[in-house]
Amino acid sequence: MGIKSYQNPAELLVKEYLLADSFIPYTSIICGICACKMVYDLTQLFSSVYFKSYPSLPKIQRTEWSNRSISTFHAMFITAMSLYFVFWSNLYSDNQYAGMVTFRSSALSTFSLGASVGYFLADLGMIIWFYPSLGGMEYVLHHLLSLAAVAYSMLTGEGQLYTFMVLISETTTPGINLRWYLDTVGMKRSKAYLVNGVVIFVAWFVKQMHSYGLLLIFVVPSVLSVMNLFWFGKIIRGLRKTLAKRQ
């Protein structure tokens, strides 16, 4: 009876407040920050036990080690959610008649973006606190721009589809962090380091395919049209010369 007396108010708190539409953004941000703290602490715990070289690293490298685990966890989470919403979710499907796709959002999509905002806040705080050990001004600028864009999309519900499309690029972050880990533990000449470099190159190349696709779709047809008109003009002039000779 005692457990149920506490269970009902707890369920009411979660359903009516924490998961209410108006509170989802703030709840998700708090969850994102707490998740970062949890991953940071667990990384320190497991690394000191399972990685022999970890305790001998300088303090700032141990801090970066745990910091990179946070960015890896966030990248895996937001990439999975972004792929789901962009390719599999019905939220942005053509079969949905819920207004323009640029204004569609859901509790889950808003929560996912809010968790990402929590990560950017936590990571930005660490970068500033340990500045410039964890990254220079370019990292601060990157996080500020990302934070502003993701937070705006989360709070307004506008452009969430395009935000998820951009966040898919986080798929390269685990590979980049793994490369740093391999370098830090002295495995720079290992096969794993070589394979990691190839995978990162392929991933970045695939990311750039979108830009190349725009080039192929818009620029190349325009150039070909101009060239075809030029050649068509030459054909007409040649035909006129041929007809003139026959006369």
C-alpha atoms as a PDB file:
ATOM      1  CA  MET A   1       0.000   0.000   0.000  1.00  0.00           C
ATOM      2  CA  GLY A   2       2.854   2.337   0.869  1.00  0.00           C
ATOM      3  CA  ILE A   3       4.542   1.770  -2.503  1.00  0.00           C
ATOM      4  CA  LYS A   4       1.312   2.414  -4.415  1.00  0.00           C
ATOM      5  CA  SER A   5       0.719   5.620  -2.467  1.00  0.00           C
ATOM      6  CA  TYR A   6       4.037   6.936  -3.810  1.00  0.00           C
ATOM      7  CA  GLN A   7       3.649   5.352  -7.250  1.00  0.00           C
ATOM      8  CA  ASN A   8       0.469   7.178  -8.246  1.00  0.00           C
ATOM      9  CA  PRO A   9       1.792  10.713  -7.545  1.00  0.00           C
ATOM     10  CA  ALA A  10       5.029   9.799  -9.351  1.00  0.00           C
ATOM     11  CA  GLU A  11       3.141   8.628 -12.441  1.00  0.00           C
ATOM     12  CA  LEU A  12       1.026  11.770 -12.323  1.00  0.00           C
ATOM     13  CA  LEU A  13       4.170  13.931 -12.138  1.00  0.00           C
ATOM     14  CA  VAL A  14       5.705  12.213 -15.162  1.00  0.00           C
ATOM     15  CA  LYS A  15       2.578  12.227 -17.330  1.00  0.00           C
ATOM     16  CA  GLU A  16       1.123  15.605 -16.433  1.00  0.00           C
ATOM     17  CA  TYR A  17       4.310  17.650 -16.069  1.00  0.00           C
ATOM     18  CA  LEU A  18       7.556  16.098 -17.303  1.00  0.00           C
ATOM     19  CA  LEU A  19       5.963  14.639 -20.455  1.00  0.00           C
ATOM     20  CA  ALA A  20       3.492  17.438 -21.060  1.00  0.00           C
ATOM     21  CA  ASP A  21       4.023  19.212 -24.390  1.00  0.00           C
ATOM     22  CA  SER A  22       5.000  22.484 -22.735  1.00  0.00           C
ATOM     23  CA  PHE A  23       7.569  20.815 -20.472  1.00  0.00           C
ATOM     24  CA  ILE A  24       9.151  18.376 -22.946  1.00  0.00           C
ATOM     25  CA  PRO A  25      11.846  20.813 -24.159  1.00  0.00           C
ATOM     26  CA  TYR A  26      13.040  21.589 -20.640  1.00  0.00           C
ATOM     27  CA  THR A  27      12.774  17.980 -19.477  1.00  0.00           C
ATOM     28  CA  SER A  28      14.756  16.760 -22.478  1.00  0.00           C
ATOM     29  CA  ILE A  29      17.521  19.320 -21.928  1.00  0.00           C
ATOM     30  CA  ILE A  30      17.878  18.231 -18.301  1.00  0.00           C
ATOM     31  CA  CYS A  31      17.914  14.580 -19.384  1.00  0.00           C
ATOM     32  CA  GLY A  32      20.612  15.356 -21.958  1.00  0.00           C
ATOM     33  CA  ILE A  33      22.820  17.073 -19.386  1.00  0.00           C
ATOM     34  CA  CYS A  34      22.302  14.273 -16.844  1.00  0.00           C
ATOM     35  CA  ALA A  35      23.111  11.658 -19.498  1.00  0.00           C
ATOM     36  CA  CYS A  36      26.380  13.467 -20.263  1.00  0.00           C
ATOM     37  CA  LYS A  37      27.305  13.455 -16.573  1.00  0.00           C
ATOM     38  CA  MET A  38      26.458   9.752 -16.271  1.00  0.00           C
ATOM     39  CA  VAL A  39      28.502   8.789 -19.347  1.00  0.00           C
ATOM     40  CA  TYR A  40      31.430  10.886 -18.105  1.00  0.00           C
ATOM     41  CA  ASP A  41      31.475   9.175 -14.695  1.00  0.00           C
ATOM     42  CA  LEU A  42      30.989   5.670 -16.117  1.00  0.00           C
ATOM     43  CA  THR A  43      33.794   6.226 -18.613  1.00  0.00           C
ATOM     44  CA  GLN A  44      36.189   7.160 -15.825  1.00  0.00           C
ATOM     45  CA  LEU A  45      35.136   4.088 -13.832  1.00  0.00           C
ATOM     46  CA  PHE A  46      35.400   1.531 -16.653  1.00  0.00           C
ATOM     47  CA  SER A  47      38.511   3.043 -18.246  1.00  0.00           C
ATOM     48  CA  SER A  48      40.491   2.860 -14.996  1.00  0.00           C
ATOM     49  CA  VAL A  49      39.606  -0.846 -14.748  1.00  0.00           C
ATOM     50  CA  TYR A  50      39.785  -2.095 -18.351  1.00  0.00           C
ATOM     51  CA  PHE A  51      42.466   0.165 -19.907  1.00  0.00           C
ATOM     52  CA  LYS A  52      45.903  -0.222 -18.338  1.00  0.00           C
ATOM     53  CA  SER A  53      47.291   2.934 -19.959  1.00  0.00           C
ATOM     54  CA  TYR A  54      44.432   5.154 -18.761  1.00  0.00           C
ATOM     55  CA  PRO A  55      45.668   5.803 -15.169  1.00  0.00           C
ATOM     56  CA  SER A  56      49.106   6.824 -16.484  1.00  0.00           C
ATOM     57  CA  LEU A  57      47.711   9.499 -18.803  1.00  0.00           C
ATOM     58  CA  PRO A  58      48.008  13.176 -17.838  1.00  0.00           C
ATOM     59  CA  LYS A  59      44.944  14.586 -16.114  1.00  0.00           C
ATOM     60  CA  ILE A  60      43.871  16.691 -19.090  1.00  0.00           C
ATOM     61  CA  GLN A  61      44.070  13.655 -21.386  1.00  0.00           C
ATOM     62  CA  ARG A  62      41.922  11.647 -18.977  1.00  0.00           C
ATOM     63  CA  THR A  63      39.442  14.506 -19.047  1.00  0.00           C
ATOM     64  CA  GLU A  64      39.450  14.558 -22.838  1.00  0.00           C
ATOM     65  CA  TRP A  65      39.126  10.756 -22.856  1.00  0.00           C
ATOM     66  CA  SER A  66      35.875  10.990 -20.906  1.00  0.00           C
ATOM     67  CA  ASN A  67      34.741  14.056 -22.839  1.00  0.00           C
ATOM     68  CA  ARG A  68      35.101  12.213 -26.130  1.00  0.00           C
ATOM     69  CA  SER A  69      33.035   9.347 -24.760  1.00  0.00           C
ATOM     70  CA  ILE A  70      30.228  11.855 -24.199  1.00  0.00           C
ATOM     71  CA  SER A  71      30.416  13.116 -27.784  1.00  0.00           C
ATOM     72  CA  THR A  72      30.509   9.517 -29.035  1.00  0.00           C
ATOM     73  CA  PHE A  73      27.410   8.603 -27.044  1.00  0.00           C
ATOM     74  CA  HIS A  74      25.587  11.715 -28.260  1.00  0.00           C
ATOM     75  CA  ALA A  75      26.588  11.047 -31.867  1.00  0.00           C
ATOM     76  CA  MET A  76      25.279   7.479 -31.735  1.00  0.00           C
ATOM     77  CA  PHE A  77      22.019   8.599 -30.138  1.00  0.00           C
ATOM     78  CA  ILE A  78      21.256  11.579 -32.375  1.00  0.00           C
ATOM     79  CA  THR A  79      22.352   9.765 -35.552  1.00  0.00           C
ATOM     80  CA  ALA A  80      20.015   6.872 -34.786  1.00  0.00           C
ATOM     81  CA  MET A  81      17.129   9.247 -34.056  1.00  0.00           C
ATOM     82  CA  SER A  82      17.860  11.362 -37.132  1.00  0.00           C
ATOM     83  CA  LEU A  83      17.944   8.333 -39.429  1.00  0.00           C
ATOM     84  CA  TYR A  84      14.671   7.148 -37.917  1.00  0.00           C
ATOM     85  CA  PHE A  85      12.862  10.444 -38.431  1.00  0.00           C
ATOM     86  CA  VAL A  86      14.272  11.125 -41.913  1.00  0.00           C
ATOM     87  CA  PHE A  87      13.868   7.652 -43.432  1.00  0.00           C
ATOM     88  CA  TRP A  88      11.434   5.561 -41.366  1.00  0.00           C
ATOM     89  CA  SER A  89       9.144   7.748 -39.316  1.00  0.00           C
ATOM     90  CA  ASN A  90       5.679   8.601 -40.619  1.00  0.00           C
ATOM     91  CA  LEU A  91       5.972  12.077 -39.136  1.00  0.00           C
ATOM     92  CA  TYR A  92       7.374  13.517 -42.361  1.00  0.00           C
ATOM     93  CA  SER A  93       5.708  11.055 -44.713  1.00  0.00           C
ATOM     94  CA  ASP A  94       3.796  12.247 -47.770  1.00  0.00           C
ATOM     95  CA  ASN A  95       0.849  10.247 -46.490  1.00  0.00           C
ATOM     96  CA  GLN A  96       0.517  12.542 -43.508  1.00  0.00           C
ATOM     97  CA  TYR A  97      -1.853  15.482 -43.911  1.00  0.00           C
ATOM     98  CA  ALA A  98      -0.740  17.504 -40.917  1.00  0.00           C
ATOM     99  CA  GLY A  99       0.302  20.675 -42.666  1.00  0.00           C
ATOM    100  CA  MET A 100       3.589  21.608 -44.256  1.00  0.00           C
ATOM    101  CA  VAL A 101       6.462  19.245 -43.566  1.00  0.00           C
ATOM    102  CA  THR A 102       8.632  22.121 -42.357  1.00  0.00           C
ATOM    103  CA  PHE A 103       6.277  22.701 -39.414  1.00  0.00           C
ATOM    104  CA  ARG A 104       5.742  19.110 -38.324  1.00  0.00           C
ATOM    105  CA  SER A 105       6.981  17.913 -34.951  1.00  0.00           C
ATOM    106  CA  SER A 106       6.139  15.382 -32.287  1.00  0.00           C
ATOM    107  CA  ALA A 107       6.874  14.797 -28.623  1.00  0.00           C
ATOM    108  CA  LEU A 108       9.625  12.320 -29.538  1.00  0.00           C
ATOM    109  CA  SER A 109      11.268  14.554 -32.147  1.00  0.00           C
ATOM    110  CA  THR A 110      11.239  17.508 -29.750  1.00  0.00           C
ATOM    111  CA  PHE A 111      12.627  15.367 -26.931  1.00  0.00           C
ATOM    112  CA  SER A 112      15.436  14.086 -29.171  1.00  0.00           C
ATOM    113  CA  LEU A 113      16.472  17.597 -30.157  1.00  0.00           C
ATOM    114  CA  GLY A 114      16.228  18.726 -26.535  1.00  0.00           C
ATOM    115  CA  ALA A 115      18.585  15.953 -25.457  1.00  0.00           C
ATOM    116  CA  SER A 116      20.993  17.148 -28.141  1.00  0.00           C
ATOM    117  CA  VAL A 117      20.718  20.703 -26.795  1.00  0.00           C
ATOM    118  CA  GLY A 118      21.593  19.341 -23.358  1.00  0.00           C
ATOM    119  CA  TYR A 119      24.701  17.726 -24.813  1.00  0.00           C
ATOM    120  CA  PHE A 120      25.830  20.903 -26.557  1.00  0.00           C
ATOM    121  CA  LEU A 121      25.341  22.873 -23.338  1.00  0.00           C
ATOM    122  CA  ALA A 122      27.308  20.356 -21.263  1.00  0.00           C
ATOM    123  CA  ASP A 123      30.098  19.978 -23.814  1.00  0.00           C
ATOM    124  CA  LEU A 124      30.339  23.732 -24.381  1.00  0.00           C
ATOM    125  CA  GLY A 125      30.626  24.211 -20.624  1.00  0.00           C
ATOM    126  CA  MET A 126      33.513  21.739 -20.477  1.00  0.00           C
ATOM    127  CA  ILE A 127      35.270  23.346 -23.438  1.00  0.00           C
ATOM    128  CA  ILE A 128      35.065  26.777 -21.840  1.00  0.00           C
ATOM    129  CA  TRP A 129      36.074  25.473 -18.390  1.00  0.00           C
ATOM    130  CA  PHE A 130      39.194  23.703 -19.720  1.00  0.00           C
ATOM    131  CA  TYR A 131      39.824  26.179 -22.555  1.00  0.00           C
ATOM    132  CA  PRO A 132      41.808  25.704 -24.735  1.00  0.00           C
ATOM    133  CA  SER A 133      42.754  22.128 -23.773  1.00  0.00           C
ATOM    134  CA  LEU A 134      39.579  20.535 -25.168  1.00  0.00           C
ATOM    135  CA  GLY A 135      39.345  22.778 -28.221  1.00  0.00           C
ATOM    136  CA  GLY A 136      39.989  26.284 -29.445  1.00  0.00           C
ATOM    137  CA  MET A 137      37.681  29.061 -30.524  1.00  0.00           C
ATOM    138  CA  GLU A 138      36.505  27.071 -33.553  1.00  0.00           C
ATOM    139  CA  TYR A 139      34.960  24.496 -31.203  1.00  0.00           C
ATOM    140  CA  VAL A 140      33.242  27.213 -29.183  1.00  0.00           C
ATOM    141  CA  LEU A 141      31.853  28.781 -32.355  1.00  0.00           C
ATOM    142  CA  HIS A 142      30.726  25.392 -33.709  1.00  0.00           C
ATOM    143  CA  HIS A 143      28.881  24.539 -30.496  1.00  0.00           C
ATOM    144  CA  LEU A 144      27.270  27.969 -30.233  1.00  0.00           C
ATOM    145  CA  LEU A 145      25.938  27.785 -33.798  1.00  0.00           C
ATOM    146  CA  SER A 146      24.780  24.183 -33.350  1.00  0.00           C
ATOM    147  CA  LEU A 147      23.170  25.041 -30.024  1.00  0.00           C
ATOM    148  CA  ALA A 148      21.292  28.000 -31.482  1.00  0.00           C
ATOM    149  CA  ALA A 149      20.035  26.060 -34.522  1.00  0.00           C
ATOM    150  CA  VAL A 150      18.949  22.922 -32.651  1.00  0.00           C
ATOM    151  CA  ALA A 151      17.379  24.903 -29.784  1.00  0.00           C
ATOM    152  CA  TYR A 152      15.370  27.061 -32.200  1.00  0.00           C
ATOM    153  CA  SER A 153      14.058  24.001 -34.036  1.00  0.00           C
ATOM    154  CA  MET A 154      13.223  22.301 -30.741  1.00  0.00           C
ATOM    155  CA  LEU A 155      11.393  25.277 -29.197  1.00  0.00           C
ATOM    156  CA  THR A 156       9.463  26.387 -32.292  1.00  0.00           C
ATOM    157  CA  GLY A 157       8.924  23.032 -34.001  1.00  0.00           C
ATOM    158  CA  GLU A 158      10.058  24.593 -37.291  1.00  0.00           C
ATOM    159  CA  GLY A 159      12.446  22.882 -39.674  1.00  0.00           C
ATOM    160  CA  GLN A 160      12.949  19.803 -37.522  1.00  0.00           C
ATOM    161  CA  LEU A 161      13.200  17.562 -40.576  1.00  0.00           C
ATOM    162  CA  TYR A 162      16.091  19.583 -41.990  1.00  0.00           C
ATOM    163  CA  THR A 163      17.730  19.734 -38.567  1.00  0.00           C
ATOM    164  CA  PHE A 164      17.685  15.933 -38.383  1.00  0.00           C
ATOM    165  CA  MET A 165      19.087  15.748 -41.913  1.00  0.00           C
ATOM    166  CA  VAL A 166      22.049  17.870 -40.835  1.00  0.00           C
ATOM    167  CA  LEU A 167      22.515  15.942 -37.589  1.00  0.00           C
ATOM    168  CA  ILE A 168      23.006  12.724 -39.559  1.00  0.00           C
ATOM    169  CA  SER A 169      26.515  14.055 -40.180  1.00  0.00           C
ATOM    170  CA  GLU A 170      27.278  13.192 -36.535  1.00  0.00           C
ATOM    171  CA  THR A 171      27.776   9.638 -37.778  1.00  0.00           C
ATOM    172  CA  THR A 172      31.462  10.449 -38.360  1.00  0.00           C
ATOM    173  CA  THR A 173      32.103  11.524 -34.759  1.00  0.00           C
ATOM    174  CA  PRO A 174      32.603   8.013 -33.246  1.00  0.00           C
ATOM    175  CA  GLY A 175      35.209   7.227 -35.902  1.00  0.00           C
ATOM    176  CA  ILE A 176      37.088  10.462 -35.257  1.00  0.00           C
ATOM    177  CA  ASN A 177      37.042   9.857 -31.509  1.00  0.00           C
ATOM    178  CA  LEU A 178      38.182   6.255 -31.978  1.00  0.00           C
ATOM    179  CA  ARG A 179      41.128   7.551 -33.985  1.00  0.00           C
ATOM    180  CA  TRP A 180      42.097   9.785 -31.060  1.00  0.00           C
ATOM    181  CA  TYR A 181      41.805   6.865 -28.630  1.00  0.00           C
ATOM    182  CA  LEU A 182      44.024   4.655 -30.788  1.00  0.00           C
ATOM    183  CA  ASP A 183      46.594   7.407 -31.078  1.00  0.00           C
ATOM    184  CA  THR A 184      46.540   8.084 -27.327  1.00  0.00           C
ATOM    185  CA  VAL A 185      47.150   4.426 -26.360  1.00  0.00           C
ATOM    186  CA  GLY A 186      50.023   4.081 -28.852  1.00  0.00           C
ATOM    187  CA  MET A 187      48.247   2.174 -31.648  1.00  0.00           C
ATOM    188  CA  LYS A 188      48.942   4.663 -34.412  1.00  0.00           C
ATOM    189  CA  ARG A 189      50.706   2.031 -36.541  1.00  0.00           C
ATOM    190  CA  SER A 190      48.103  -0.683 -36.023  1.00  0.00           C
ATOM    191  CA  LYS A 191      45.743  -2.071 -38.660  1.00  0.00           C
ATOM    192  CA  ALA A 192      42.817  -0.734 -36.651  1.00  0.00           C
ATOM    193  CA  TYR A 193      44.207   2.789 -37.048  1.00  0.00           C
ATOM    194  CA  LEU A 194      44.557   2.295 -40.812  1.00  0.00           C
ATOM    195  CA  VAL A 195      41.049   0.863 -41.200  1.00  0.00           C
ATOM    196  CA  ASN A 196      39.685   3.692 -39.090  1.00  0.00           C
ATOM    197  CA  GLY A 197      41.288   6.259 -41.398  1.00  0.00           C
ATOM    198  CA  VAL A 198      39.756   4.613 -44.467  1.00  0.00           C
ATOM    199  CA  VAL A 199      36.308   4.490 -42.860  1.00  0.00           C
ATOM    200  CA  ILE A 200      36.501   8.162 -41.886  1.00  0.00           C
ATOM    201  CA  PHE A 201      37.512   9.103 -45.434  1.00  0.00           C
ATOM    202  CA  VAL A 202      34.616   7.146 -46.945  1.00  0.00           C
ATOM    203  CA  ALA A 203      32.155   8.633 -44.444  1.00  0.00           C
ATOM    204  CA  TRP A 204      33.261  12.193 -45.171  1.00  0.00           C
ATOM    205  CA  PHE A 205      33.113  11.473 -48.894  1.00  0.00           C
ATOM    206  CA  VAL A 206      29.545  10.217 -48.595  1.00  0.00           C
ATOM    207  CA  LYS A 207      28.644  13.352 -46.613  1.00  0.00           C
ATOM    208  CA  GLN A 208      29.970  15.502 -49.427  1.00  0.00           C
ATOM    209  CA  MET A 209      27.874  13.601 -51.975  1.00  0.00           C
ATOM    210  CA  HIS A 210      24.957  15.868 -51.127  1.00  0.00           C
ATOM    211  CA  SER A 211      26.937  18.897 -52.284  1.00  0.00           C
ATOM    212  CA  TYR A 212      28.131  17.050 -55.336  1.00  0.00           C
ATOM    213  CA  GLY A 213      24.552  16.008 -56.027  1.00  0.00           C
ATOM    214  CA  LEU A 214      23.411  19.621 -56.027  1.00  0.00           C
ATOM    215  CA  LEU A 215      26.252  20.407 -58.423  1.00  0.00           C
ATOM    216  CA  LEU A 216      25.206  17.603 -60.756  1.00  0.00           C
ATOM    217  CA  ILE A 217      21.524  18.511 -60.571  1.00  0.00           C
ATOM    218  CA  PHE A 218      21.741  22.260 -61.134  1.00  0.00           C
ATOM    219  CA  VAL A 219      25.116  23.251 -62.584  1.00  0.00           C
ATOM    220  CA  VAL A 220      25.895  20.410 -64.960  1.00  0.00           C
ATOM    221  CA  PRO A 221      22.509  20.486 -66.812  1.00  0.00           C
ATOM    222  CA  SER A 222      22.850  24.253 -67.270  1.00  0.00           C
ATOM    223  CA  VAL A 223      26.321  23.884 -68.749  1.00  0.00           C
ATOM    224  CA  LEU A 224      25.179  21.055 -71.000  1.00  0.00           C
ATOM    225  CA  SER A 225      22.220  23.141 -72.198  1.00  0.00           C
ATOM    226  CA  VAL A 226      24.513  26.000 -73.193  1.00  0.00           C
ATOM    227  CA  MET A 227      26.848  23.588 -74.973  1.00  0.00           C
ATOM    228  CA  ASN A 228      23.928  21.951 -76.779  1.00  0.00           C
ATOM    229  CA  LEU A 229      22.668  25.354 -77.948  1.00  0.00           C
ATOM    230  CA  PHE A 230      26.157  26.194 -79.190  1.00  0.00           C
ATOM    231  CA  TRP A 231      26.406  22.932 -81.113  1.00  0.00           C
ATOM    232  CA  PHE A 232      22.858  23.311 -82.409  1.00  0.00           C
ATOM    233  CA  GLY A 233      23.840  26.739 -83.772  1.00  0.00           C
ATOM    234  CA  LYS A 234      26.817  25.189 -85.541  1.00  0.00           C
ATOM    235  CA  ILE A 235      24.539  22.531 -87.054  1.00  0.00           C
ATOM    236  CA  ILE A 236      22.141  25.192 -88.363  1.00  0.00           C
ATOM    237  CA  ARG A 237      25.010  27.188 -89.903  1.00  0.00           C
ATOM    238  CA  GLY A 238      26.343  24.025 -91.499  1.00  0.00           C
ATOM    239  CA  LEU A 239      22.912  23.200 -92.889  1.00  0.00           C
ATOM    240  CA  ARG A 240      22.550  26.719 -94.328  1.00  0.00           C
ATOM    241  CA  LYS A 241      25.919  26.416 -96.040  1.00  0.00           C
ATOM    242  CA  THR A 242      24.943  23.035 -97.505  1.00  0.00           C
ATOM    243  CA  LEU A 243      21.622  24.379 -98.820  1.00  0.00           C
ATOM    244  CA  ALA A 244      23.399  27.462-100.269  1.00  0.00           C
ATOM    245  CA  LYS A 245      25.793  25.249-102.204  1.00  0.00           C
ATOM    246  CA  ARG A 246      22.973  23.115-103.632  1.00  0.00           C
ATOM    247  CA  GLN A 247      21.288  26.270-104.930  1.00  0.00           C
END
